[in-house]
Structures are given as structure tokens and as C-alpha cells.
Amino acid sequence: LFRAYGATTAYVPVGDRARRHGASNY
């Protein structure tokens, strides 16, 4: 949507961690 409405995008590597408590809502 940002690109469609005239913006540009970029992406940066990030970390990811296991969920500590509960379950995903999806």
C-alpha cells in the first residue's frame, strides 16, 4: 500500500524469538 501510494520501501534483517507465554491468536 505504501508503494502504491507513492512511497518507497526498504528492509533490514532483524531477530526473532520464540513466544514465551500463551499461544498465537492466529
mmCIF file of all heavy atoms, coordinates in Angstrom:
data_MODEL
# 
_entry.id   MODEL 
# 
loop_
_atom_site.group_PDB 
_atom_site.id 
_atom_site.type_symbol 
_atom_site.label_atom_id 
_atom_site.label_alt_id 
_atom_site.label_comp_id 
_atom_site.label_asym_id 
_atom_site.label_entity_id 
_atom_site.label_seq_id 
_atom_site.pdbx_PDB_ins_code 
_atom_site.Cartn_x 
_atom_site.Cartn_y 
_atom_site.Cartn_z 
_atom_site.occupancy 
_atom_site.B_iso_or_equiv 
_atom_site.pdbx_formal_charge 
_atom_site.auth_seq_id 
_atom_site.auth_comp_id 
_atom_site.auth_asym_id 
_atom_site.auth_atom_id 
_atom_site.pdbx_PDB_model_num 
ATOM 1   N N   . LEU A 1 1  ? 0.824  -1.206  0.000  1.00 0.00 ? 1  LEU A N   1 
ATOM 2   C CA  . LEU A 1 1  ? 0.000  0.000   0.000  1.00 0.00 ? 1  LEU A CA  1 
ATOM 3   C C   . LEU A 1 1  ? 0.860  1.259   0.000  1.00 0.00 ? 1  LEU A C   1 
ATOM 4   O O   . LEU A 1 1  ? 0.556  2.225   -0.707 1.00 0.00 ? 1  LEU A O   1 
ATOM 5   C CB  . LEU A 1 1  ? -0.933 -0.015  1.212  1.00 0.00 ? 1  LEU A CB  1 
ATOM 6   C CG  . LEU A 1 1  ? -2.028 -1.083  1.183  1.00 0.00 ? 1  LEU A CG  1 
ATOM 7   C CD1 . LEU A 1 1  ? -2.721 -1.185  2.532  1.00 0.00 ? 1  LEU A CD1 1 
ATOM 8   C CD2 . LEU A 1 1  ? -3.051 -0.783  0.081  1.00 0.00 ? 1  LEU A CD2 1 
ATOM 9   N N   . PHE A 1 2  ? 1.926  1.270   0.783  1.00 0.00 ? 2  PHE A N   1 
ATOM 10  C CA  . PHE A 1 2  ? 2.819  2.429   0.773  1.00 0.00 ? 2  PHE A CA  1 
ATOM 11  C C   . PHE A 1 2  ? 3.379  2.655   -0.628 1.00 0.00 ? 2  PHE A C   1 
ATOM 12  O O   . PHE A 1 2  ? 3.429  3.785   -1.119 1.00 0.00 ? 2  PHE A O   1 
ATOM 13  C CB  . PHE A 1 2  ? 3.953  2.235   1.776  1.00 0.00 ? 2  PHE A CB  1 
ATOM 14  C CG  . PHE A 1 2  ? 3.689  2.834   3.131  1.00 0.00 ? 2  PHE A CG  1 
ATOM 15  C CD1 . PHE A 1 2  ? 2.785  2.254   4.001  1.00 0.00 ? 2  PHE A CD1 1 
ATOM 16  C CD2 . PHE A 1 2  ? 4.334  3.984   3.540  1.00 0.00 ? 2  PHE A CD2 1 
ATOM 17  C CE1 . PHE A 1 2  ? 2.525  2.790   5.252  1.00 0.00 ? 2  PHE A CE1 1 
ATOM 18  C CE2 . PHE A 1 2  ? 4.095  4.552   4.783  1.00 0.00 ? 2  PHE A CE2 1 
ATOM 19  C CZ  . PHE A 1 2  ? 3.180  3.950   5.640  1.00 0.00 ? 2  PHE A CZ  1 
ATOM 20  N N   . ARG A 1 3  ? 3.803  1.588   -1.281 1.00 0.00 ? 3  ARG A N   1 
ATOM 21  C CA  . ARG A 1 3  ? 4.360  1.720   -2.631 1.00 0.00 ? 3  ARG A CA  1 
ATOM 22  C C   . ARG A 1 3  ? 3.296  2.186   -3.618 1.00 0.00 ? 3  ARG A C   1 
ATOM 23  O O   . ARG A 1 3  ? 3.558  3.028   -4.484 1.00 0.00 ? 3  ARG A O   1 
ATOM 24  C CB  . ARG A 1 3  ? 4.950  0.376   -3.077 1.00 0.00 ? 3  ARG A CB  1 
ATOM 25  C CG  . ARG A 1 3  ? 6.285  0.050   -2.412 1.00 0.00 ? 3  ARG A CG  1 
ATOM 26  C CD  . ARG A 1 3  ? 6.663  -1.402  -2.624 1.00 0.00 ? 3  ARG A CD  1 
ATOM 27  N NE  . ARG A 1 3  ? 6.814  -1.749  -4.017 1.00 0.00 ? 3  ARG A NE  1 
ATOM 28  C CZ  . ARG A 1 3  ? 7.983  -1.837  -4.643 1.00 0.00 ? 3  ARG A CZ  1 
ATOM 29  N NH1 . ARG A 1 3  ? 9.104  -1.573  -3.985 1.00 0.00 ? 3  ARG A NH1 1 
ATOM 30  N NH2 . ARG A 1 3  ? 8.039  -2.198  -5.905 1.00 0.00 ? 3  ARG A NH2 1 
ATOM 31  N N   . ALA A 1 4  ? 2.091  1.654   -3.496 1.00 0.00 ? 4  ALA A N   1 
ATOM 32  C CA  . ALA A 1 4  ? 1.029  2.019   -4.428 1.00 0.00 ? 4  ALA A CA  1 
ATOM 33  C C   . ALA A 1 4  ? 0.674  3.494   -4.331 1.00 0.00 ? 4  ALA A C   1 
ATOM 34  O O   . ALA A 1 4  ? 0.283  4.114   -5.330 1.00 0.00 ? 4  ALA A O   1 
ATOM 35  C CB  . ALA A 1 4  ? -0.211 1.171   -4.169 1.00 0.00 ? 4  ALA A CB  1 
ATOM 36  N N   . TYR A 1 5  ? 0.846  4.059   -3.143 1.00 0.00 ? 5  TYR A N   1 
ATOM 37  C CA  . TYR A 1 5  ? 0.501  5.460   -2.942 1.00 0.00 ? 5  TYR A CA  1 
ATOM 38  C C   . TYR A 1 5  ? 1.729  6.374   -2.925 1.00 0.00 ? 5  TYR A C   1 
ATOM 39  O O   . TYR A 1 5  ? 1.708  7.437   -2.320 1.00 0.00 ? 5  TYR A O   1 
ATOM 40  C CB  . TYR A 1 5  ? -0.332 5.611   -1.673 1.00 0.00 ? 5  TYR A CB  1 
ATOM 41  C CG  . TYR A 1 5  ? -1.745 5.118   -1.883 1.00 0.00 ? 5  TYR A CG  1 
ATOM 42  C CD1 . TYR A 1 5  ? -2.068 3.776   -1.697 1.00 0.00 ? 5  TYR A CD1 1 
ATOM 43  C CD2 . TYR A 1 5  ? -2.755 5.972   -2.313 1.00 0.00 ? 5  TYR A CD2 1 
ATOM 44  C CE1 . TYR A 1 5  ? -3.357 3.304   -1.916 1.00 0.00 ? 5  TYR A CE1 1 
ATOM 45  C CE2 . TYR A 1 5  ? -4.048 5.514   -2.537 1.00 0.00 ? 5  TYR A CE2 1 
ATOM 46  C CZ  . TYR A 1 5  ? -4.338 4.187   -2.333 1.00 0.00 ? 5  TYR A CZ  1 
ATOM 47  O OH  . TYR A 1 5  ? -5.623 3.715   -2.561 1.00 0.00 ? 5  TYR A OH  1 
ATOM 48  N N   . GLY A 1 6  ? 2.795  5.949   -3.600 1.00 0.00 ? 6  GLY A N   1 
ATOM 49  C CA  . GLY A 1 6  ? 3.898  6.847   -3.913 1.00 0.00 ? 6  GLY A CA  1 
ATOM 50  C C   . GLY A 1 6  ? 5.115  6.794   -3.020 1.00 0.00 ? 6  GLY A C   1 
ATOM 51  O O   . GLY A 1 6  ? 6.079  7.532   -3.251 1.00 0.00 ? 6  GLY A O   1 
ATOM 52  N N   . ALA A 1 7  ? 5.131  5.948   -2.016 1.00 0.00 ? 7  ALA A N   1 
ATOM 53  C CA  . ALA A 1 7  ? 6.287  5.847   -1.132 1.00 0.00 ? 7  ALA A CA  1 
ATOM 54  C C   . ALA A 1 7  ? 7.243  4.769   -1.641 1.00 0.00 ? 7  ALA A C   1 
ATOM 55  O O   . ALA A 1 7  ? 6.901  3.962   -2.511 1.00 0.00 ? 7  ALA A O   1 
ATOM 56  C CB  . ALA A 1 7  ? 5.840  5.524   0.293  1.00 0.00 ? 7  ALA A CB  1 
ATOM 57  N N   . THR A 1 8  ? 8.452  4.755   -1.085 1.00 0.00 ? 8  THR A N   1 
ATOM 58  C CA  . THR A 1 8  ? 9.399  3.680   -1.356 1.00 0.00 ? 8  THR A CA  1 
ATOM 59  C C   . THR A 1 8  ? 9.641  2.909   -0.065 1.00 0.00 ? 8  THR A C   1 
ATOM 60  O O   . THR A 1 8  ? 9.378  3.399   1.038  1.00 0.00 ? 8  THR A O   1 
ATOM 61  C CB  . THR A 1 8  ? 10.728 4.219   -1.913 1.00 0.00 ? 8  THR A CB  1 
ATOM 62  O OG1 . THR A 1 8  ? 11.300 5.141   -0.958 1.00 0.00 ? 8  THR A OG1 1 
ATOM 63  C CG2 . THR A 1 8  ? 10.516 4.924   -3.238 1.00 0.00 ? 8  THR A CG2 1 
ATOM 64  N N   . THR A 1 9  ? 10.155 1.684   -0.204 1.00 0.00 ? 9  THR A N   1 
ATOM 65  C CA  . THR A 1 9  ? 10.321 0.801   0.945  1.00 0.00 ? 9  THR A CA  1 
ATOM 66  C C   . THR A 1 9  ? 11.719 0.208   0.963  1.00 0.00 ? 9  THR A C   1 
ATOM 67  O O   . THR A 1 9  ? 12.399 0.144   -0.061 1.00 0.00 ? 9  THR A O   1 
ATOM 68  C CB  . THR A 1 9  ? 9.294  -0.343  0.899  1.00 0.00 ? 9  THR A CB  1 
ATOM 69  O OG1 . THR A 1 9  ? 9.432  -1.056  -0.345 1.00 0.00 ? 9  THR A OG1 1 
ATOM 70  C CG2 . THR A 1 9  ? 7.864  0.196   1.010  1.00 0.00 ? 9  THR A CG2 1 
ATOM 71  N N   . ALA A 1 10 ? 12.135 -0.224  2.136  1.00 0.00 ? 10 ALA A N   1 
ATOM 72  C CA  . ALA A 1 10 ? 13.417 -0.913  2.307  1.00 0.00 ? 10 ALA A CA  1 
ATOM 73  C C   . ALA A 1 10 ? 13.263 -1.906  3.454  1.00 0.00 ? 10 ALA A C   1 
ATOM 74  O O   . ALA A 1 10 ? 12.327 -1.807  4.263  1.00 0.00 ? 10 ALA A O   1 
ATOM 75  C CB  . ALA A 1 10 ? 14.536 0.082   2.599  1.00 0.00 ? 10 ALA A CB  1 
ATOM 76  N N   . TYR A 1 11 ? 14.201 -2.848  3.544  1.00 0.00 ? 11 TYR A N   1 
ATOM 77  C CA  . TYR A 1 11 ? 14.078 -3.916  4.528  1.00 0.00 ? 11 TYR A CA  1 
ATOM 78  C C   . TYR A 1 11 ? 15.416 -4.171  5.207  1.00 0.00 ? 11 TYR A C   1 
ATOM 79  O O   . TYR A 1 11 ? 16.467 -4.093  4.579  1.00 0.00 ? 11 TYR A O   1 
ATOM 80  C CB  . TYR A 1 11 ? 13.543 -5.183  3.860  1.00 0.00 ? 11 TYR A CB  1 
ATOM 81  C CG  . TYR A 1 11 ? 12.228 -4.899  3.176  1.00 0.00 ? 11 TYR A CG  1 
ATOM 82  C CD1 . TYR A 1 11 ? 12.169 -4.615  1.811  1.00 0.00 ? 11 TYR A CD1 1 
ATOM 83  C CD2 . TYR A 1 11 ? 11.060 -4.813  3.919  1.00 0.00 ? 11 TYR A CD2 1 
ATOM 84  C CE1 . TYR A 1 11 ? 10.980 -4.285  1.204  1.00 0.00 ? 11 TYR A CE1 1 
ATOM 85  C CE2 . TYR A 1 11 ? 9.867  -4.483  3.317  1.00 0.00 ? 11 TYR A CE2 1 
ATOM 86  C CZ  . TYR A 1 11 ? 9.819  -4.217  1.968  1.00 0.00 ? 11 TYR A CZ  1 
ATOM 87  O OH  . TYR A 1 11 ? 8.641  -3.861  1.382  1.00 0.00 ? 11 TYR A OH  1 
ATOM 88  N N   . VAL A 1 12 ? 15.349 -4.473  6.506  1.00 0.00 ? 12 VAL A N   1 
ATOM 89  C CA  . VAL A 1 12 ? 16.533 -4.639  7.346  1.00 0.00 ? 12 VAL A CA  1 
ATOM 90  C C   . VAL A 1 12 ? 16.422 -5.973  8.087  1.00 0.00 ? 12 VAL A C   1 
ATOM 91  O O   . VAL A 1 12 ? 15.350 -6.291  8.623  1.00 0.00 ? 12 VAL A O   1 
ATOM 92  C CB  . VAL A 1 12 ? 16.631 -3.484  8.368  1.00 0.00 ? 12 VAL A CB  1 
ATOM 93  C CG1 . VAL A 1 12 ? 17.769 -3.719  9.356  1.00 0.00 ? 12 VAL A CG1 1 
ATOM 94  C CG2 . VAL A 1 12 ? 16.805 -2.146  7.647  1.00 0.00 ? 12 VAL A CG2 1 
ATOM 95  N N   . PRO A 1 13 ? 17.493 -6.766  8.129  1.00 0.00 ? 13 PRO A N   1 
ATOM 96  C CA  . PRO A 1 13 ? 17.435 -8.017  8.903  1.00 0.00 ? 13 PRO A CA  1 
ATOM 97  C C   . PRO A 1 13 ? 17.209 -7.738  10.388 1.00 0.00 ? 13 PRO A C   1 
ATOM 98  O O   . PRO A 1 13 ? 17.826 -6.841  10.966 1.00 0.00 ? 13 PRO A O   1 
ATOM 99  C CB  . PRO A 1 13 ? 18.815 -8.644  8.670  1.00 0.00 ? 13 PRO A CB  1 
ATOM 100 C CG  . PRO A 1 13 ? 19.349 -7.987  7.443  1.00 0.00 ? 13 PRO A CG  1 
ATOM 101 C CD  . PRO A 1 13 ? 18.797 -6.593  7.444  1.00 0.00 ? 13 PRO A CD  1 
ATOM 102 N N   . VAL A 1 14 ? 16.311 -8.520  10.999 1.00 0.00 ? 14 VAL A N   1 
ATOM 103 C CA  . VAL A 1 14 ? 16.025 -8.376  12.428 1.00 0.00 ? 14 VAL A CA  1 
ATOM 104 C C   . VAL A 1 14 ? 15.970 -9.757  13.067 1.00 0.00 ? 14 VAL A C   1 
ATOM 105 O O   . VAL A 1 14 ? 15.898 -10.777 12.391 1.00 0.00 ? 14 VAL A O   1 
ATOM 106 C CB  . VAL A 1 14 ? 14.689 -7.634  12.672 1.00 0.00 ? 14 VAL A CB  1 
ATOM 107 C CG1 . VAL A 1 14 ? 14.755 -6.217  12.128 1.00 0.00 ? 14 VAL A CG1 1 
ATOM 108 C CG2 . VAL A 1 14 ? 13.515 -8.396  12.060 1.00 0.00 ? 14 VAL A CG2 1 
ATOM 109 N N   . GLY A 1 15 ? 15.986 -9.766  14.383 1.00 0.00 ? 15 GLY A N   1 
ATOM 110 C CA  . GLY A 1 15 ? 15.906 -11.020 15.111 1.00 0.00 ? 15 GLY A CA  1 
ATOM 111 C C   . GLY A 1 15 ? 14.470 -11.501 15.253 1.00 0.00 ? 15 GLY A C   1 
ATOM 112 O O   . GLY A 1 15 ? 13.513 -10.797 14.942 1.00 0.00 ? 15 GLY A O   1 
ATOM 113 N N   . ASP A 1 16 ? 14.338 -12.708 15.743 1.00 0.00 ? 16 ASP A N   1 
ATOM 114 C CA  . ASP A 1 16 ? 13.022 -13.297 16.010 1.00 0.00 ? 16 ASP A CA  1 
ATOM 115 C C   . ASP A 1 16 ? 13.188 -14.244 17.184 1.00 0.00 ? 16 ASP A C   1 
ATOM 116 O O   . ASP A 1 16 ? 14.178 -14.977 17.264 1.00 0.00 ? 16 ASP A O   1 
ATOM 117 C CB  . ASP A 1 16 ? 12.501 -14.047 14.784 1.00 0.00 ? 16 ASP A CB  1 
ATOM 118 C CG  . ASP A 1 16 ? 11.073 -14.541 14.985 1.00 0.00 ? 16 ASP A CG  1 
ATOM 119 O OD1 . ASP A 1 16 ? 10.207 -13.721 15.295 1.00 0.00 ? 16 ASP A OD1 1 
ATOM 120 O OD2 . ASP A 1 16 ? 10.840 -15.755 14.828 1.00 0.00 ? 16 ASP A OD2 1 
ATOM 121 N N   . ARG A 1 17 ? 12.245 -14.215 18.102 1.00 0.00 ? 17 ARG A N   1 
ATOM 122 C CA  . ARG A 1 17 ? 12.351 -15.018 19.315 1.00 0.00 ? 17 ARG A CA  1 
ATOM 123 C C   . ARG A 1 17 ? 11.134 -15.917 19.463 1.00 0.00 ? 17 ARG A C   1 
ATOM 124 O O   . ARG A 1 17 ? 10.055 -15.613 18.951 1.00 0.00 ? 17 ARG A O   1 
ATOM 125 C CB  . ARG A 1 17 ? 12.455 -14.094 20.538 1.00 0.00 ? 17 ARG A CB  1 
ATOM 126 C CG  . ARG A 1 17 ? 13.580 -13.087 20.414 1.00 0.00 ? 17 ARG A CG  1 
ATOM 127 C CD  . ARG A 1 17 ? 13.712 -12.206 21.630 1.00 0.00 ? 17 ARG A CD  1 
ATOM 128 N NE  . ARG A 1 17 ? 12.597 -11.304 21.843 1.00 0.00 ? 17 ARG A NE  1 
ATOM 129 C CZ  . ARG A 1 17 ? 12.685 -10.188 22.566 1.00 0.00 ? 17 ARG A CZ  1 
ATOM 130 N NH1 . ARG A 1 17 ? 13.831 -9.853  23.118 1.00 0.00 ? 17 ARG A NH1 1 
ATOM 131 N NH2 . ARG A 1 17 ? 11.630 -9.407  22.740 1.00 0.00 ? 17 ARG A NH2 1 
ATOM 132 N N   . ALA A 1 18 ? 11.316 -16.993 20.156 1.00 0.00 ? 18 ALA A N   1 
ATOM 133 C CA  . ALA A 1 18 ? 10.189 -17.890 20.430 1.00 0.00 ? 18 ALA A CA  1 
ATOM 134 C C   . ALA A 1 18 ? 9.235  -17.216 21.406 1.00 0.00 ? 18 ALA A C   1 
ATOM 135 O O   . ALA A 1 18 ? 9.645  -16.456 22.293 1.00 0.00 ? 18 ALA A O   1 
ATOM 136 C CB  . ALA A 1 18 ? 10.698 -19.204 21.017 1.00 0.00 ? 18 ALA A CB  1 
ATOM 137 N N   . ARG A 1 19 ? 7.966  -17.466 21.240 1.00 0.00 ? 19 ARG A N   1 
ATOM 138 C CA  . ARG A 1 19 ? 6.958  -16.964 22.181 1.00 0.00 ? 19 ARG A CA  1 
ATOM 139 C C   . ARG A 1 19 ? 7.188  -17.622 23.539 1.00 0.00 ? 19 ARG A C   1 
ATOM 140 O O   . ARG A 1 19 ? 7.304  -18.843 23.636 1.00 0.00 ? 19 ARG A O   1 
ATOM 141 C CB  . ARG A 1 19 ? 5.572  -17.294 21.649 1.00 0.00 ? 19 ARG A CB  1 
ATOM 142 C CG  . ARG A 1 19 ? 4.444  -17.014 22.601 1.00 0.00 ? 19 ARG A CG  1 
ATOM 143 C CD  . ARG A 1 19 ? 3.131  -17.509 22.040 1.00 0.00 ? 19 ARG A CD  1 
ATOM 144 N NE  . ARG A 1 19 ? 2.549  -16.521 21.145 1.00 0.00 ? 19 ARG A NE  1 
ATOM 145 C CZ  . ARG A 1 19 ? 1.756  -15.537 21.551 1.00 0.00 ? 19 ARG A CZ  1 
ATOM 146 N NH1 . ARG A 1 19 ? 1.486  -15.405 22.840 1.00 0.00 ? 19 ARG A NH1 1 
ATOM 147 N NH2 . ARG A 1 19 ? 1.247  -14.695 20.685 1.00 0.00 ? 19 ARG A NH2 1 
ATOM 148 N N   . ARG A 1 20 ? 7.242  -16.809 24.587 1.00 0.00 ? 20 ARG A N   1 
ATOM 149 C CA  . ARG A 1 20 ? 7.486  -17.349 25.926 1.00 0.00 ? 20 ARG A CA  1 
ATOM 150 C C   . ARG A 1 20 ? 6.217  -17.855 26.597 1.00 0.00 ? 20 ARG A C   1 
ATOM 151 O O   . ARG A 1 20 ? 6.240  -18.843 27.332 1.00 0.00 ? 20 ARG A O   1 
ATOM 152 C CB  . ARG A 1 20 ? 8.132  -16.272 26.803 1.00 0.00 ? 20 ARG A CB  1 
ATOM 153 C CG  . ARG A 1 20 ? 9.542  -15.907 26.389 1.00 0.00 ? 20 ARG A CG  1 
ATOM 154 C CD  . ARG A 1 20 ? 10.140 -14.892 27.354 1.00 0.00 ? 20 ARG A CD  1 
ATOM 155 N NE  . ARG A 1 20 ? 11.497 -14.533 26.981 1.00 0.00 ? 20 ARG A NE  1 
ATOM 156 C CZ  . ARG A 1 20 ? 12.261 -13.677 27.661 1.00 0.00 ? 20 ARG A CZ  1 
ATOM 157 N NH1 . ARG A 1 20 ? 11.768 -13.090 28.738 1.00 0.00 ? 20 ARG A NH1 1 
ATOM 158 N NH2 . ARG A 1 20 ? 13.479 -13.403 27.251 1.00 0.00 ? 20 ARG A NH2 1 
ATOM 159 N N   . HIS A 1 21 ? 5.112  -17.137 26.400 1.00 0.00 ? 21 HIS A N   1 
ATOM 160 C CA  . HIS A 1 21 ? 3.877  -17.487 27.098 1.00 0.00 ? 21 HIS A CA  1 
ATOM 161 C C   . HIS A 1 21 ? 2.700  -17.438 26.129 1.00 0.00 ? 21 HIS A C   1 
ATOM 162 O O   . HIS A 1 21 ? 2.682  -16.648 25.194 1.00 0.00 ? 21 HIS A O   1 
ATOM 163 C CB  . HIS A 1 21 ? 3.613  -16.520 28.256 1.00 0.00 ? 21 HIS A CB  1 
ATOM 164 C CG  . HIS A 1 21 ? 4.705  -16.478 29.268 1.00 0.00 ? 21 HIS A CG  1 
ATOM 165 N ND1 . HIS A 1 21 ? 4.883  -17.439 30.229 1.00 0.00 ? 21 HIS A ND1 1 
ATOM 166 C CD2 . HIS A 1 21 ? 5.712  -15.571 29.459 1.00 0.00 ? 21 HIS A CD2 1 
ATOM 167 C CE1 . HIS A 1 21 ? 5.918  -17.144 30.976 1.00 0.00 ? 21 HIS A CE1 1 
ATOM 168 N NE2 . HIS A 1 21 ? 6.440  -16.011 30.534 1.00 0.00 ? 21 HIS A NE2 1 
ATOM 169 N N   . GLY A 1 22 ? 1.698  -18.266 26.402 1.00 0.00 ? 22 GLY A N   1 
ATOM 170 C CA  . GLY A 1 22 ? 0.470  -18.227 25.621 1.00 0.00 ? 22 GLY A CA  1 
ATOM 171 C C   . GLY A 1 22 ? 0.621  -18.839 24.237 1.00 0.00 ? 22 GLY A C   1 
ATOM 172 O O   . GLY A 1 22 ? 1.643  -19.435 23.896 1.00 0.00 ? 22 GLY A O   1 
ATOM 173 N N   . ALA A 1 23 ? -0.430 -18.666 23.444 1.00 0.00 ? 23 ALA A N   1 
ATOM 174 C CA  . ALA A 1 23 ? -0.461 -19.201 22.090 1.00 0.00 ? 23 ALA A CA  1 
ATOM 175 C C   . ALA A 1 23 ? -0.825 -18.099 21.117 1.00 0.00 ? 23 ALA A C   1 
ATOM 176 O O   . ALA A 1 23 ? -1.447 -17.097 21.488 1.00 0.00 ? 23 ALA A O   1 
ATOM 177 C CB  . ALA A 1 23 ? -1.487 -20.338 21.998 1.00 0.00 ? 23 ALA A CB  1 
ATOM 178 N N   . SER A 1 24 ? -0.437 -18.265 19.872 1.00 0.00 ? 24 SER A N   1 
ATOM 179 C CA  . SER A 1 24 ? -0.734 -17.278 18.847 1.00 0.00 ? 24 SER A CA  1 
ATOM 180 C C   . SER A 1 24 ? -2.240 -17.107 18.680 1.00 0.00 ? 24 SER A C   1 
ATOM 181 O O   . SER A 1 24 ? -3.013 -18.067 18.811 1.00 0.00 ? 24 SER A O   1 
ATOM 182 C CB  . SER A 1 24 ? -0.118 -17.706 17.518 1.00 0.00 ? 24 SER A CB  1 
ATOM 183 O OG  . SER A 1 24 ? -0.516 -16.836 16.475 1.00 0.00 ? 24 SER A OG  1 
ATOM 184 N N   . ASN A 1 25 ? -2.655 -15.871 18.392 1.00 0.00 ? 25 ASN A N   1 
ATOM 185 C CA  . ASN A 1 25 ? -4.065 -15.603 18.129 1.00 0.00 ? 25 ASN A CA  1 
ATOM 186 C C   . ASN A 1 25 ? -4.472 -15.990 16.716 1.00 0.00 ? 25 ASN A C   1 
ATOM 187 O O   . ASN A 1 25 ? -5.643 -15.861 16.350 1.00 0.00 ? 25 ASN A O   1 
ATOM 188 C CB  . ASN A 1 25 ? -4.356 -14.112 18.353 1.00 0.00 ? 25 ASN A CB  1 
ATOM 189 C CG  . ASN A 1 25 ? -4.168 -13.705 19.799 1.00 0.00 ? 25 ASN A CG  1 
ATOM 190 O OD1 . ASN A 1 25 ? -4.664 -14.362 20.703 1.00 0.00 ? 25 ASN A OD1 1 
ATOM 191 N ND2 . ASN A 1 25 ? -3.418 -12.633 20.019 1.00 0.00 ? 25 ASN A ND2 1 
ATOM 192 N N   . TYR A 1 26 ? -3.501 -16.446 15.900 1.00 0.00 ? 26 TYR A N   1 
ATOM 193 C CA  . TYR A 1 26 ? -3.783 -16.821 14.524 1.00 0.00 ? 26 TYR A CA  1 
ATOM 194 C C   . TYR A 1 26 ? -3.365 -18.262 14.290 1.00 0.00 ? 26 TYR A C   1 
ATOM 195 O O   . TYR A 1 26 ? -2.345 -18.723 14.791 1.00 0.00 ? 26 TYR A O   1 
ATOM 196 C CB  . TYR A 1 26 ? -3.015 -15.928 13.539 1.00 0.00 ? 26 TYR A CB  1 
ATOM 197 C CG  . TYR A 1 26 ? -3.361 -14.471 13.617 1.00 0.00 ? 26 TYR A CG  1 
ATOM 198 C CD1 . TYR A 1 26 ? -2.566 -13.589 14.337 1.00 0.00 ? 26 TYR A CD1 1 
ATOM 199 C CD2 . TYR A 1 26 ? -4.485 -13.968 12.969 1.00 0.00 ? 26 TYR A CD2 1 
ATOM 200 C CE1 . TYR A 1 26 ? -2.882 -12.244 14.413 1.00 0.00 ? 26 TYR A CE1 1 
ATOM 201 C CE2 . TYR A 1 26 ? -4.809 -12.617 13.033 1.00 0.00 ? 26 TYR A CE2 1 
ATOM 202 C CZ  . TYR A 1 26 ? -4.000 -11.767 13.759 1.00 0.00 ? 26 TYR A CZ  1 
ATOM 203 O OH  . TYR A 1 26 ? -4.307 -10.437 13.832 1.00 0.00 ? 26 TYR A OH  1 
# 
